[in-house]
Amino acid sequence: MKIAGVGSAFPKYYYPQEVLVAALKNYWLHRLPNPDILDRLDESMKVDGRYTAHPIEFYENMKTWGQANDAWIEVGLEIGGKALCRALASAGLDPQDLSAIFVTSVTGIAAPSMDARLVNRLGLSRNIKRIPIFGLGCVAGAAGISRAADYVRGYPGENAALLSIELCSLTLQRDDLSMAHLISALLFGDGAAAVIVSGAELDAKGPEILAAKSIFYPNTERTMGWDISERGFRIVLSPEVPDTVLRHLGGDVDTFLGEQGMTRKDIGSWVMHTGGPKVLEATATALGITREDLTASWECLRKVGNLSSTSVLLVLEDVYRNRRPASGTFSILAAMGPGFCSELILLRW
């Protein structure tokens, strides 16, 4: 089974980071004990700019979770459809060629789910198997590829798609002045990405998925996630995330590779979720690799920020199109997220 195509799409509104910081200062006018804290935090983010679902003015008038979720459905369908079509085109497939679609997001909800709403919009098969995923957060980009691979392993003559839609700007909370939310407001952005996974009986091009592994870390539920109330999604983001990466990632990768008869020295390319600067630094330390080994991740972070489950797919797209390793090179694709947990995938180009 192979990753046959990758595609992404973004809202039409993009702002340099300094414009967004100024807007956040105005959003929290007279509420922040020290408005300069946003400037100090932003210095460490390493983000040049981000996409937003709507113009900045929209957020001043976004009062309810219902307003935010309506915007998530409207914009999410638009960019999600574009991302999926671009991934299909990358794989040389038509919408009717898909037998299953996994759709993940942690920034909004819908029933019928987004996959159902895309069937008519894109002309997907009436018999397509739909698997919506909610709650995995940042790890869902990697986990979704794994689940799509599980599907085509059972149906090797079929194609499955993973679609990630994340509109993090719509989770902005006026009354949340916690450090976690200030960091979130400066780091997370909006976008969508899709991946096509083709079964072994199909003549697909792209990196081969050799193995995957899921790892759950007990008693870490408060490391990352949401508290959900009548106001919507309130970020849970512990400062322990980088330490969790340092404690677990290196050993987990070694165990995973050992199960395949390999070591880290066999890996020539790393496709890692962007996380944030501290997370990427912890990732490099845990794996004993350099900042240059994570160039694609750093570049995606700089250009668009952290897009939760979409981020690792953007890194994959960048490697797929701009930094493709030599034929036969082994890669690790990985992400971590709420649970707290990690998902590891072994690829061969």
C-alpha atoms as a PDB file:
ATOM      1  CA  MET A   1       0.000   0.000   0.000  1.00  0.00           C
ATOM      2  CA  LYS A   2       1.200   3.455  -0.869  1.00  0.00           C
ATOM      3  CA  ILE A   3       0.581   7.134  -0.265  1.00  0.00           C
ATOM      4  CA  ALA A   4      -0.548   7.898  -3.805  1.00  0.00           C
ATOM      5  CA  GLY A   5      -1.354  11.595  -3.480  1.00  0.00           C
ATOM      6  CA  VAL A   6      -1.300  14.595  -1.143  1.00  0.00           C
ATOM      7  CA  GLY A   7      -3.072  17.957  -1.396  1.00  0.00           C
ATOM      8  CA  SER A   8      -3.797  20.998   0.751  1.00  0.00           C
ATOM      9  CA  ALA A   9      -5.976  24.104   0.744  1.00  0.00           C
ATOM     10  CA  PHE A  10      -6.301  27.235   2.871  1.00  0.00           C
ATOM     11  CA  PRO A  11      -8.832  30.003   3.504  1.00  0.00           C
ATOM     12  CA  LYS A  12      -8.353  33.154   1.432  1.00  0.00           C
ATOM     13  CA  TYR A  13      -7.348  35.303   4.407  1.00  0.00           C
ATOM     14  CA  TYR A  14      -3.655  35.357   5.320  1.00  0.00           C
ATOM     15  CA  TYR A  15      -2.080  37.790   7.776  1.00  0.00           C
ATOM     16  CA  PRO A  16       1.530  38.453   8.772  1.00  0.00           C
ATOM     17  CA  GLN A  17       2.126  37.550  12.399  1.00  0.00           C
ATOM     18  CA  GLU A  18       2.590  41.175  13.473  1.00  0.00           C
ATOM     19  CA  VAL A  19      -0.894  42.014  12.162  1.00  0.00           C
ATOM     20  CA  LEU A  20      -2.399  39.118  14.105  1.00  0.00           C
ATOM     21  CA  VAL A  21      -0.572  40.119  17.294  1.00  0.00           C
ATOM     22  CA  ALA A  22      -1.909  43.670  16.955  1.00  0.00           C
ATOM     23  CA  ALA A  23      -5.431  42.312  16.417  1.00  0.00           C
ATOM     24  CA  LEU A  24      -5.165  40.122  19.520  1.00  0.00           C
ATOM     25  CA  LYS A  25      -4.036  43.109  21.574  1.00  0.00           C
ATOM     26  CA  ASN A  26      -7.134  44.953  20.413  1.00  0.00           C
ATOM     27  CA  TYR A  27      -9.318  41.870  21.027  1.00  0.00           C
ATOM     28  CA  TRP A  28      -8.181  41.774  24.645  1.00  0.00           C
ATOM     29  CA  LEU A  29      -7.983  45.571  25.039  1.00  0.00           C
ATOM     30  CA  HIS A  30      -7.714  46.541  28.733  1.00  0.00           C
ATOM     31  CA  ARG A  31      -8.088  42.868  29.743  1.00  0.00           C
ATOM     32  CA  LEU A  32      -4.483  41.718  29.558  1.00  0.00           C
ATOM     33  CA  PRO A  33      -2.525  42.647  32.676  1.00  0.00           C
ATOM     34  CA  ASN A  34       0.411  43.447  30.401  1.00  0.00           C
ATOM     35  CA  PRO A  35      -0.260  43.704  26.620  1.00  0.00           C
ATOM     36  CA  ASP A  36       3.474  43.364  25.934  1.00  0.00           C
ATOM     37  CA  ILE A  37       3.233  39.718  26.990  1.00  0.00           C
ATOM     38  CA  LEU A  38       1.924  38.887  23.497  1.00  0.00           C
ATOM     39  CA  ASP A  39       5.033  40.416  21.907  1.00  0.00           C
ATOM     40  CA  ARG A  40       7.312  38.492  24.248  1.00  0.00           C
ATOM     41  CA  LEU A  41       5.521  35.211  23.616  1.00  0.00           C
ATOM     42  CA  ASP A  42       5.444  35.807  19.870  1.00  0.00           C
ATOM     43  CA  GLU A  43       9.224  36.182  19.737  1.00  0.00           C
ATOM     44  CA  SER A  44       9.530  32.479  20.555  1.00  0.00           C
ATOM     45  CA  MET A  45       6.871  31.200  18.125  1.00  0.00           C
ATOM     46  CA  LYS A  46       8.980  31.349  14.916  1.00  0.00           C
ATOM     47  CA  VAL A  47       5.803  31.955  12.864  1.00  0.00           C
ATOM     48  CA  ASP A  48       5.747  34.503  10.017  1.00  0.00           C
ATOM     49  CA  GLY A  49       2.000  34.460   9.414  1.00  0.00           C
ATOM     50  CA  ARG A  50      -1.174  32.386   9.446  1.00  0.00           C
ATOM     51  CA  TYR A  51      -4.396  31.811   7.551  1.00  0.00           C
ATOM     52  CA  THR A  52      -7.732  32.566   9.215  1.00  0.00           C
ATOM     53  CA  ALA A  53     -11.184  31.279   8.322  1.00  0.00           C
ATOM     54  CA  HIS A  54     -12.598  34.804   8.149  1.00  0.00           C
ATOM     55  CA  PRO A  55     -11.269  38.366   8.171  1.00  0.00           C
ATOM     56  CA  ILE A  56      -9.969  39.688  11.492  1.00  0.00           C
ATOM     57  CA  GLU A  57     -13.118  41.770  11.990  1.00  0.00           C
ATOM     58  CA  PHE A  58     -15.245  38.608  12.154  1.00  0.00           C
ATOM     59  CA  TYR A  59     -13.646  37.525  15.417  1.00  0.00           C
ATOM     60  CA  GLU A  60     -14.562  40.762  17.192  1.00  0.00           C
ATOM     61  CA  ASN A  61     -18.232  39.859  16.649  1.00  0.00           C
ATOM     62  CA  MET A  62     -17.961  36.098  17.237  1.00  0.00           C
ATOM     63  CA  LYS A  63     -19.917  35.786  20.479  1.00  0.00           C
ATOM     64  CA  THR A  64     -21.183  32.198  20.561  1.00  0.00           C
ATOM     65  CA  TRP A  65     -20.004  28.679  19.907  1.00  0.00           C
ATOM     66  CA  GLY A  66     -22.834  28.348  17.375  1.00  0.00           C
ATOM     67  CA  GLN A  67     -21.424  31.214  15.301  1.00  0.00           C
ATOM     68  CA  ALA A  68     -17.969  29.671  15.403  1.00  0.00           C
ATOM     69  CA  ASN A  69     -19.227  26.210  14.469  1.00  0.00           C
ATOM     70  CA  ASP A  70     -21.332  27.518  11.576  1.00  0.00           C
ATOM     71  CA  ALA A  71     -18.186  29.180  10.227  1.00  0.00           C
ATOM     72  CA  TRP A  72     -16.265  25.922  10.708  1.00  0.00           C
ATOM     73  CA  ILE A  73     -18.799  24.030   8.581  1.00  0.00           C
ATOM     74  CA  GLU A  74     -18.967  26.678   5.860  1.00  0.00           C
ATOM     75  CA  VAL A  75     -15.230  27.286   5.447  1.00  0.00           C
ATOM     76  CA  GLY A  76     -14.270  23.719   6.284  1.00  0.00           C
ATOM     77  CA  LEU A  77     -16.382  22.324   3.453  1.00  0.00           C
ATOM     78  CA  GLU A  78     -14.876  24.802   1.011  1.00  0.00           C
ATOM     79  CA  ILE A  79     -11.216  24.174   1.788  1.00  0.00           C
ATOM     80  CA  GLY A  80     -11.710  20.503   2.670  1.00  0.00           C
ATOM     81  CA  GLY A  81     -13.254  19.863  -0.732  1.00  0.00           C
ATOM     82  CA  LYS A  82     -10.402  21.644  -2.468  1.00  0.00           C
ATOM     83  CA  ALA A  83      -7.746  19.728  -0.506  1.00  0.00           C
ATOM     84  CA  LEU A  84      -9.366  16.378  -1.303  1.00  0.00           C
ATOM     85  CA  CYS A  85      -9.691  17.207  -5.014  1.00  0.00           C
ATOM     86  CA  ARG A  86      -6.034  18.244  -5.142  1.00  0.00           C
ATOM     87  CA  ALA A  87      -4.955  15.010  -3.438  1.00  0.00           C
ATOM     88  CA  LEU A  88      -7.044  12.988  -5.898  1.00  0.00           C
ATOM     89  CA  ALA A  89      -5.513  14.866  -8.825  1.00  0.00           C
ATOM     90  CA  SER A  90      -2.049  14.217  -7.388  1.00  0.00           C
ATOM     91  CA  ALA A  91      -2.869  10.494  -7.365  1.00  0.00           C
ATOM     92  CA  GLY A  92      -4.420  10.582 -10.845  1.00  0.00           C
ATOM     93  CA  LEU A  93      -7.816   9.540  -9.465  1.00  0.00           C
ATOM     94  CA  ASP A  94     -11.419  10.705  -9.743  1.00  0.00           C
ATOM     95  CA  PRO A  95     -13.782  11.157  -6.761  1.00  0.00           C
ATOM     96  CA  GLN A  96     -15.645   7.965  -7.724  1.00  0.00           C
ATOM     97  CA  ASP A  97     -12.410   5.998  -7.279  1.00  0.00           C
ATOM     98  CA  LEU A  98     -12.552   6.378  -3.492  1.00  0.00           C
ATOM     99  CA  SER A  99     -14.004   3.480  -1.512  1.00  0.00           C
ATOM    100  CA  ALA A 100     -13.517   4.973   1.977  1.00  0.00           C
ATOM    101  CA  ILE A 101     -12.977   8.411   3.471  1.00  0.00           C
ATOM    102  CA  PHE A 102     -11.692   9.251   6.939  1.00  0.00           C
ATOM    103  CA  VAL A 103     -12.313  12.865   7.987  1.00  0.00           C
ATOM    104  CA  THR A 104     -10.655  14.291  11.076  1.00  0.00           C
ATOM    105  CA  SER A 105     -10.981  17.589  12.896  1.00  0.00           C
ATOM    106  CA  VAL A 106     -10.847  18.806  16.480  1.00  0.00           C
ATOM    107  CA  THR A 107     -12.021  22.383  15.882  1.00  0.00           C
ATOM    108  CA  GLY A 108     -15.711  21.856  15.070  1.00  0.00           C
ATOM    109  CA  ILE A 109     -18.525  19.321  14.879  1.00  0.00           C
ATOM    110  CA  ALA A 110     -21.263  18.489  12.379  1.00  0.00           C
ATOM    111  CA  ALA A 111     -24.066  15.961  11.911  1.00  0.00           C
ATOM    112  CA  PRO A 112     -24.359  14.933   9.127  1.00  0.00           C
ATOM    113  CA  SER A 113     -20.576  14.843   9.318  1.00  0.00           C
ATOM    114  CA  MET A 114     -18.299  16.670   6.898  1.00  0.00           C
ATOM    115  CA  ASP A 115     -17.666  13.524   4.850  1.00  0.00           C
ATOM    116  CA  ALA A 116     -21.409  13.132   4.246  1.00  0.00           C
ATOM    117  CA  ARG A 117     -21.703  16.769   3.178  1.00  0.00           C
ATOM    118  CA  LEU A 118     -18.869  16.266   0.683  1.00  0.00           C
ATOM    119  CA  VAL A 119     -20.492  13.309  -1.118  1.00  0.00           C
ATOM    120  CA  ASN A 120     -22.866  15.450  -3.211  1.00  0.00           C
ATOM    121  CA  ARG A 121     -20.504  18.410  -3.382  1.00  0.00           C
ATOM    122  CA  LEU A 122     -17.650  16.381  -4.918  1.00  0.00           C
ATOM    123  CA  GLY A 123     -19.513  13.522  -6.577  1.00  0.00           C
ATOM    124  CA  LEU A 124     -18.144  10.809  -4.309  1.00  0.00           C
ATOM    125  CA  SER A 125     -19.492   7.281  -4.645  1.00  0.00           C
ATOM    126  CA  ARG A 126     -22.905   6.639  -3.068  1.00  0.00           C
ATOM    127  CA  ASN A 127     -21.368   3.477  -1.612  1.00  0.00           C
ATOM    128  CA  ILE A 128     -18.362   5.154  -0.035  1.00  0.00           C
ATOM    129  CA  LYS A 129     -17.586   4.101   3.526  1.00  0.00           C
ATOM    130  CA  ARG A 130     -17.470   7.186   5.781  1.00  0.00           C
ATOM    131  CA  ILE A 131     -15.443   7.287   8.994  1.00  0.00           C
ATOM    132  CA  PRO A 132     -15.500  10.650  10.830  1.00  0.00           C
ATOM    133  CA  ILE A 133     -12.875  11.053  13.564  1.00  0.00           C
ATOM    134  CA  PHE A 134     -13.042  13.568  16.419  1.00  0.00           C
ATOM    135  CA  GLY A 135     -10.848  14.082  19.476  1.00  0.00           C
ATOM    136  CA  LEU A 136      -7.419  12.920  18.316  1.00  0.00           C
ATOM    137  CA  GLY A 137      -6.163  16.477  17.757  1.00  0.00           C
ATOM    138  CA  CYS A 138      -2.588  16.891  16.532  1.00  0.00           C
ATOM    139  CA  VAL A 139      -1.931  13.151  16.351  1.00  0.00           C
ATOM    140  CA  ALA A 140      -4.831  12.564  13.938  1.00  0.00           C
ATOM    141  CA  GLY A 141      -2.856  13.376  10.795  1.00  0.00           C
ATOM    142  CA  ALA A 142      -0.577  10.401  11.372  1.00  0.00           C
ATOM    143  CA  ALA A 143      -3.262   8.241  12.997  1.00  0.00           C
ATOM    144  CA  GLY A 144      -5.628   8.892  10.091  1.00  0.00           C
ATOM    145  CA  ILE A 145      -3.055   7.673   7.576  1.00  0.00           C
ATOM    146  CA  SER A 146      -2.617   4.552   9.723  1.00  0.00           C
ATOM    147  CA  ARG A 147      -6.367   3.906   9.790  1.00  0.00           C
ATOM    148  CA  ALA A 148      -6.618   4.410   6.020  1.00  0.00           C
ATOM    149  CA  ALA A 149      -3.732   1.966   5.617  1.00  0.00           C
ATOM    150  CA  ASP A 150      -5.565  -0.537   7.840  1.00  0.00           C
ATOM    151  CA  TYR A 151      -8.548  -0.241   5.507  1.00  0.00           C
ATOM    152  CA  VAL A 152      -6.668  -0.860   2.252  1.00  0.00           C
ATOM    153  CA  ARG A 153      -4.739  -3.689   3.881  1.00  0.00           C
ATOM    154  CA  GLY A 154      -8.098  -5.447   4.137  1.00  0.00           C
ATOM    155  CA  TYR A 155      -9.224  -4.198   0.712  1.00  0.00           C
ATOM    156  CA  PRO A 156      -6.000  -4.126  -1.354  1.00  0.00           C
ATOM    157  CA  GLY A 157      -7.813  -3.263  -4.583  1.00  0.00           C
ATOM    158  CA  GLU A 158      -9.300  -0.035  -3.211  1.00  0.00           C
ATOM    159  CA  ASN A 159      -8.364   3.572  -2.447  1.00  0.00           C
ATOM    160  CA  ALA A 160      -8.998   5.372   0.844  1.00  0.00           C
ATOM    161  CA  ALA A 161      -8.655   9.050   1.683  1.00  0.00           C
ATOM    162  CA  LEU A 162      -7.782  10.889   4.861  1.00  0.00           C
ATOM    163  CA  LEU A 163      -9.045  14.476   5.020  1.00  0.00           C
ATOM    164  CA  SER A 164      -8.009  16.816   7.832  1.00  0.00           C
ATOM    165  CA  ILE A 165      -9.850  20.121   8.362  1.00  0.00           C
ATOM    166  CA  GLU A 166      -8.663  22.385  11.168  1.00  0.00           C
ATOM    167  CA  LEU A 167      -9.879  25.959  11.716  1.00  0.00           C
ATOM    168  CA  CYS A 168      -8.112  26.724  14.972  1.00  0.00           C
ATOM    169  CA  SER A 169      -8.845  30.470  14.825  1.00  0.00           C
ATOM    170  CA  LEU A 170     -12.516  29.719  15.510  1.00  0.00           C
ATOM    171  CA  THR A 171     -11.660  28.420  18.993  1.00  0.00           C
ATOM    172  CA  LEU A 172     -10.602  31.904  20.138  1.00  0.00           C
ATOM    173  CA  GLN A 173     -12.055  32.683  23.603  1.00  0.00           C
ATOM    174  CA  ARG A 174     -12.476  36.280  24.791  1.00  0.00           C
ATOM    175  CA  ASP A 175     -12.553  35.425  28.510  1.00  0.00           C
ATOM    176  CA  ASP A 176      -9.656  32.960  28.528  1.00  0.00           C
ATOM    177  CA  LEU A 177      -6.449  34.802  29.445  1.00  0.00           C
ATOM    178  CA  SER A 178      -4.571  31.676  30.511  1.00  0.00           C
ATOM    179  CA  MET A 179      -1.007  31.254  29.296  1.00  0.00           C
ATOM    180  CA  ALA A 180      -2.092  28.173  27.347  1.00  0.00           C
ATOM    181  CA  HIS A 181      -4.694  30.163  25.417  1.00  0.00           C
ATOM    182  CA  LEU A 182      -2.363  33.088  24.732  1.00  0.00           C
ATOM    183  CA  ILE A 183       0.173  30.657  23.274  1.00  0.00           C
ATOM    184  CA  SER A 184      -2.567  28.915  21.274  1.00  0.00           C
ATOM    185  CA  ALA A 185      -3.778  32.236  19.855  1.00  0.00           C
ATOM    186  CA  LEU A 186      -0.242  33.014  18.647  1.00  0.00           C
ATOM    187  CA  LEU A 187       0.653  29.554  17.329  1.00  0.00           C
ATOM    188  CA  PHE A 188      -2.314  27.806  15.707  1.00  0.00           C
ATOM    189  CA  GLY A 189      -3.673  28.507  12.231  1.00  0.00           C
ATOM    190  CA  ASP A 190      -6.265  27.303   9.715  1.00  0.00           C
ATOM    191  CA  GLY A 191      -6.156  24.959   6.735  1.00  0.00           C
ATOM    192  CA  ALA A 192      -6.953  21.525   5.330  1.00  0.00           C
ATOM    193  CA  ALA A 193      -4.992  18.666   3.799  1.00  0.00           C
ATOM    194  CA  ALA A 194      -5.779  15.266   2.314  1.00  0.00           C
ATOM    195  CA  VAL A 195      -3.863  12.057   1.639  1.00  0.00           C
ATOM    196  CA  ILE A 196      -4.808   9.209  -0.707  1.00  0.00           C
ATOM    197  CA  VAL A 197      -3.777   5.702   0.377  1.00  0.00           C
ATOM    198  CA  SER A 198      -3.945   3.014  -2.322  1.00  0.00           C
ATOM    199  CA  GLY A 199      -4.022  -0.744  -1.823  1.00  0.00           C
ATOM    200  CA  ALA A 200      -1.228  -3.110  -2.807  1.00  0.00           C
ATOM    201  CA  GLU A 201      -3.106  -4.485  -5.827  1.00  0.00           C
ATOM    202  CA  LEU A 202      -3.226  -1.033  -7.457  1.00  0.00           C
ATOM    203  CA  ASP A 203      -0.469   0.450  -9.591  1.00  0.00           C
ATOM    204  CA  ALA A 204       0.038   3.527  -7.421  1.00  0.00           C
ATOM    205  CA  LYS A 205       3.100   5.739  -7.177  1.00  0.00           C
ATOM    206  CA  GLY A 206       4.459   7.223  -3.964  1.00  0.00           C
ATOM    207  CA  PRO A 207       6.022   6.098  -0.684  1.00  0.00           C
ATOM    208  CA  GLU A 208       5.105   2.641   0.558  1.00  0.00           C
ATOM    209  CA  ILE A 209       3.592   2.274   4.033  1.00  0.00           C
ATOM    210  CA  LEU A 210       5.543  -0.552   5.651  1.00  0.00           C
ATOM    211  CA  ALA A 211       4.331  -0.475   9.252  1.00  0.00           C
ATOM    212  CA  ALA A 212       2.583   1.684  11.850  1.00  0.00           C
ATOM    213  CA  LYS A 213       2.340   1.784  15.625  1.00  0.00           C
ATOM    214  CA  SER A 214       0.075   3.553  18.141  1.00  0.00           C
ATOM    215  CA  ILE A 215       1.354   4.347  21.644  1.00  0.00           C
ATOM    216  CA  PHE A 216      -0.790   5.631  24.523  1.00  0.00           C
ATOM    217  CA  TYR A 217       0.775   7.192  27.637  1.00  0.00           C
ATOM    218  CA  PRO A 218      -1.305   6.406  30.757  1.00  0.00           C
ATOM    219  CA  ASN A 219      -2.585   9.177  33.032  1.00  0.00           C
ATOM    220  CA  THR A 220      -1.721  12.041  30.667  1.00  0.00           C
ATOM    221  CA  GLU A 221      -5.225  13.222  29.766  1.00  0.00           C
ATOM    222  CA  ARG A 222      -4.548  16.796  30.935  1.00  0.00           C
ATOM    223  CA  THR A 223      -1.436  17.218  28.811  1.00  0.00           C
ATOM    224  CA  MET A 224      -3.381  18.438  25.775  1.00  0.00           C
ATOM    225  CA  GLY A 225      -6.984  18.729  24.640  1.00  0.00           C
ATOM    226  CA  TRP A 226     -10.133  20.795  25.167  1.00  0.00           C
ATOM    227  CA  ASP A 227     -12.416  21.688  28.029  1.00  0.00           C
ATOM    228  CA  ILE A 228     -15.820  22.072  26.357  1.00  0.00           C
ATOM    229  CA  SER A 229     -18.550  24.329  27.730  1.00  0.00           C
ATOM    230  CA  GLU A 230     -21.378  26.503  26.431  1.00  0.00           C
ATOM    231  CA  ARG A 231     -18.674  28.873  25.160  1.00  0.00           C
ATOM    232  CA  GLY A 232     -17.063  26.198  23.000  1.00  0.00           C
ATOM    233  CA  PHE A 233     -13.538  24.804  22.974  1.00  0.00           C
ATOM    234  CA  ARG A 234     -11.158  25.981  25.710  1.00  0.00           C
ATOM    235  CA  ILE A 235      -7.567  24.866  25.187  1.00  0.00           C
ATOM    236  CA  VAL A 236      -5.786  22.478  27.526  1.00  0.00           C
ATOM    237  CA  LEU A 237      -2.069  22.775  26.782  1.00  0.00           C
ATOM    238  CA  SER A 238       0.404  21.717  29.433  1.00  0.00           C
ATOM    239  CA  PRO A 239       3.972  23.049  29.502  1.00  0.00           C
ATOM    240  CA  GLU A 240       4.931  19.384  29.988  1.00  0.00           C
ATOM    241  CA  VAL A 241       4.441  18.572  26.285  1.00  0.00           C
ATOM    242  CA  PRO A 242       8.123  19.045  25.307  1.00  0.00           C
ATOM    243  CA  ASP A 243       9.215  17.007  28.343  1.00  0.00           C
ATOM    244  CA  THR A 244       6.791  14.262  27.349  1.00  0.00           C
ATOM    245  CA  VAL A 245       8.386  14.207  23.896  1.00  0.00           C
ATOM    246  CA  LEU A 246      11.843  13.987  25.470  1.00  0.00           C
ATOM    247  CA  ARG A 247      10.822  11.151  27.789  1.00  0.00           C
ATOM    248  CA  HIS A 248       9.078   8.955  25.266  1.00  0.00           C
ATOM    249  CA  LEU A 249       9.698   9.648  21.579  1.00  0.00           C
ATOM    250  CA  GLY A 250      13.246   8.333  21.208  1.00  0.00           C
ATOM    251  CA  GLY A 251      12.552   5.054  22.985  1.00  0.00           C
ATOM    252  CA  ASP A 252       9.248   4.549  21.187  1.00  0.00           C
ATOM    253  CA  VAL A 253      10.878   5.064  17.786  1.00  0.00           C
ATOM    254  CA  ASP A 254      13.688   2.667  18.709  1.00  0.00           C
ATOM    255  CA  THR A 255      11.200   0.002  19.817  1.00  0.00           C
ATOM    256  CA  PHE A 256       9.123   0.468  16.669  1.00  0.00           C
ATOM    257  CA  LEU A 257      12.139   0.245  14.385  1.00  0.00           C
ATOM    258  CA  GLY A 258      13.487  -2.736  16.314  1.00  0.00           C
ATOM    259  CA  GLU A 259      10.261  -4.582  15.568  1.00  0.00           C
ATOM    260  CA  GLN A 260      11.064  -4.057  11.871  1.00  0.00           C
ATOM    261  CA  GLY A 261      14.702  -5.162  12.298  1.00  0.00           C
ATOM    262  CA  MET A 262      15.921  -1.576  11.900  1.00  0.00           C
ATOM    263  CA  THR A 263      17.576   1.240  13.859  1.00  0.00           C
ATOM    264  CA  ARG A 264      17.500   5.031  13.650  1.00  0.00           C
ATOM    265  CA  LYS A 265      20.583   4.900  11.424  1.00  0.00           C
ATOM    266  CA  ASP A 266      18.402   3.334   8.713  1.00  0.00           C
ATOM    267  CA  ILE A 267      16.137   6.407   8.587  1.00  0.00           C
ATOM    268  CA  GLY A 268      17.042   8.983   5.946  1.00  0.00           C
ATOM    269  CA  SER A 269      14.053  11.324   6.238  1.00  0.00           C
ATOM    270  CA  TRP A 270      11.846  12.568   9.084  1.00  0.00           C
ATOM    271  CA  VAL A 271       8.258  13.765   8.509  1.00  0.00           C
ATOM    272  CA  MET A 272       7.312  15.176  11.912  1.00  0.00           C
ATOM    273  CA  HIS A 273       4.326  17.156  13.176  1.00  0.00           C
ATOM    274  CA  THR A 274       5.264  20.820  13.629  1.00  0.00           C
ATOM    275  CA  GLY A 275       4.052  21.142  17.244  1.00  0.00           C
ATOM    276  CA  GLY A 276       5.879  24.368  18.035  1.00  0.00           C
ATOM    277  CA  PRO A 277       9.487  25.492  18.480  1.00  0.00           C
ATOM    278  CA  LYS A 278       9.950  23.777  21.848  1.00  0.00           C
ATOM    279  CA  VAL A 279       8.323  20.593  20.573  1.00  0.00           C
ATOM    280  CA  LEU A 280      10.499  20.510  17.445  1.00  0.00           C
ATOM    281  CA  GLU A 281      13.622  21.133  19.522  1.00  0.00           C
ATOM    282  CA  ALA A 282      12.592  18.341  21.895  1.00  0.00           C
ATOM    283  CA  THR A 283      11.925  16.062  18.910  1.00  0.00           C
ATOM    284  CA  ALA A 284      15.425  16.620  17.524  1.00  0.00           C
ATOM    285  CA  THR A 285      17.002  15.999  20.944  1.00  0.00           C
ATOM    286  CA  ALA A 286      14.931  12.869  21.596  1.00  0.00           C
ATOM    287  CA  LEU A 287      15.818  11.371  18.214  1.00  0.00           C
ATOM    288  CA  GLY A 288      19.445  12.507  18.139  1.00  0.00           C
ATOM    289  CA  ILE A 289      18.937  14.365  14.846  1.00  0.00           C
ATOM    290  CA  THR A 290      19.673  17.929  13.742  1.00  0.00           C
ATOM    291  CA  ARG A 291      17.509  20.942  13.044  1.00  0.00           C
ATOM    292  CA  GLU A 292      18.319  20.439   9.342  1.00  0.00           C
ATOM    293  CA  ASP A 293      16.732  16.976   9.509  1.00  0.00           C
ATOM    294  CA  LEU A 294      13.480  18.736  10.437  1.00  0.00           C
ATOM    295  CA  THR A 295      13.712  21.503   7.833  1.00  0.00           C
ATOM    296  CA  ALA A 296      10.319  20.688   6.313  1.00  0.00           C
ATOM    297  CA  SER A 297       8.652  20.863   9.733  1.00  0.00           C
ATOM    298  CA  TRP A 298      10.331  24.161  10.640  1.00  0.00           C
ATOM    299  CA  GLU A 299       9.370  25.656   7.274  1.00  0.00           C
ATOM    300  CA  CYS A 300       5.721  24.669   7.624  1.00  0.00           C
ATOM    301  CA  LEU A 301       5.650  26.124  11.134  1.00  0.00           C
ATOM    302  CA  ARG A 302       7.179  29.372   9.880  1.00  0.00           C
ATOM    303  CA  LYS A 303       4.798  29.760   6.954  1.00  0.00           C
ATOM    304  CA  VAL A 304       1.429  28.849   8.508  1.00  0.00           C
ATOM    305  CA  GLY A 305       1.862  27.988  12.204  1.00  0.00           C
ATOM    306  CA  ASN A 306       0.598  24.787  13.831  1.00  0.00           C
ATOM    307  CA  LEU A 307      -2.594  23.442  12.206  1.00  0.00           C
ATOM    308  CA  SER A 308      -3.226  20.571  14.624  1.00  0.00           C
ATOM    309  CA  SER A 309      -3.931  17.347  12.666  1.00  0.00           C
ATOM    310  CA  THR A 310      -3.339  19.083   9.333  1.00  0.00           C
ATOM    311  CA  SER A 311       0.265  20.013  10.131  1.00  0.00           C
ATOM    312  CA  VAL A 312       2.013  16.683   9.641  1.00  0.00           C
ATOM    313  CA  LEU A 313       0.153  16.312   6.330  1.00  0.00           C
ATOM    314  CA  LEU A 314       1.521  19.683   5.202  1.00  0.00           C
ATOM    315  CA  VAL A 315       5.011  18.500   6.127  1.00  0.00           C
ATOM    316  CA  LEU A 316       4.377  15.311   4.140  1.00  0.00           C
ATOM    317  CA  GLU A 317       3.213  17.367   1.167  1.00  0.00           C
ATOM    318  CA  ASP A 318       6.334  19.534   1.342  1.00  0.00           C
ATOM    319  CA  VAL A 319       8.588  16.459   1.401  1.00  0.00           C
ATOM    320  CA  TYR A 320       6.481  14.794  -1.300  1.00  0.00           C
ATOM    321  CA  ARG A 321       6.792  17.744  -3.688  1.00  0.00           C
ATOM    322  CA  ASN A 322       9.969  19.609  -2.762  1.00  0.00           C
ATOM    323  CA  ARG A 323      12.301  17.337  -0.778  1.00  0.00           C
ATOM    324  CA  ARG A 324      11.527  13.860  -2.032  1.00  0.00           C
ATOM    325  CA  PRO A 325      14.155  11.410  -0.789  1.00  0.00           C
ATOM    326  CA  ALA A 326      15.999   9.077  -3.125  1.00  0.00           C
ATOM    327  CA  SER A 327      14.264   5.854  -4.081  1.00  0.00           C
ATOM    328  CA  GLY A 328      14.624   3.257  -1.321  1.00  0.00           C
ATOM    329  CA  THR A 329      15.030   5.806   1.488  1.00  0.00           C
ATOM    330  CA  PHE A 330      13.225   4.964   4.720  1.00  0.00           C
ATOM    331  CA  SER A 331      11.229   7.687   6.522  1.00  0.00           C
ATOM    332  CA  ILE A 332       9.456   8.011   9.830  1.00  0.00           C
ATOM    333  CA  LEU A 333       6.224  10.007   9.804  1.00  0.00           C
ATOM    334  CA  ALA A 334       5.052  10.817  13.324  1.00  0.00           C
ATOM    335  CA  ALA A 335       2.785  12.996  15.424  1.00  0.00           C
ATOM    336  CA  MET A 336       1.740  13.258  19.063  1.00  0.00           C
ATOM    337  CA  GLY A 337      -1.506  14.534  20.525  1.00  0.00           C
ATOM    338  CA  PRO A 338      -4.309  14.338  23.099  1.00  0.00           C
ATOM    339  CA  GLY A 339      -4.428  11.183  25.118  1.00  0.00           C
ATOM    340  CA  PHE A 340      -1.479  11.817  25.425  1.00  0.00           C
ATOM    341  CA  CYS A 341      -0.287   9.530  22.637  1.00  0.00           C
ATOM    342  CA  SER A 342       1.873   9.149  19.569  1.00  0.00           C
ATOM    343  CA  GLU A 343       1.496   7.554  16.144  1.00  0.00           C
ATOM    344  CA  LEU A 344       4.477   6.293  14.157  1.00  0.00           C
ATOM    345  CA  ILE A 345       4.538   5.264  10.479  1.00  0.00           C
ATOM    346  CA  LEU A 346       7.439   3.687   8.590  1.00  0.00           C
ATOM    347  CA  LEU A 347       7.651   4.684   4.919  1.00  0.00           C
ATOM    348  CA  ARG A 348       9.901   3.613   2.053  1.00  0.00           C
ATOM    349  CA  TRP A 349      10.245   5.990  -0.896  1.00  0.00           C
END
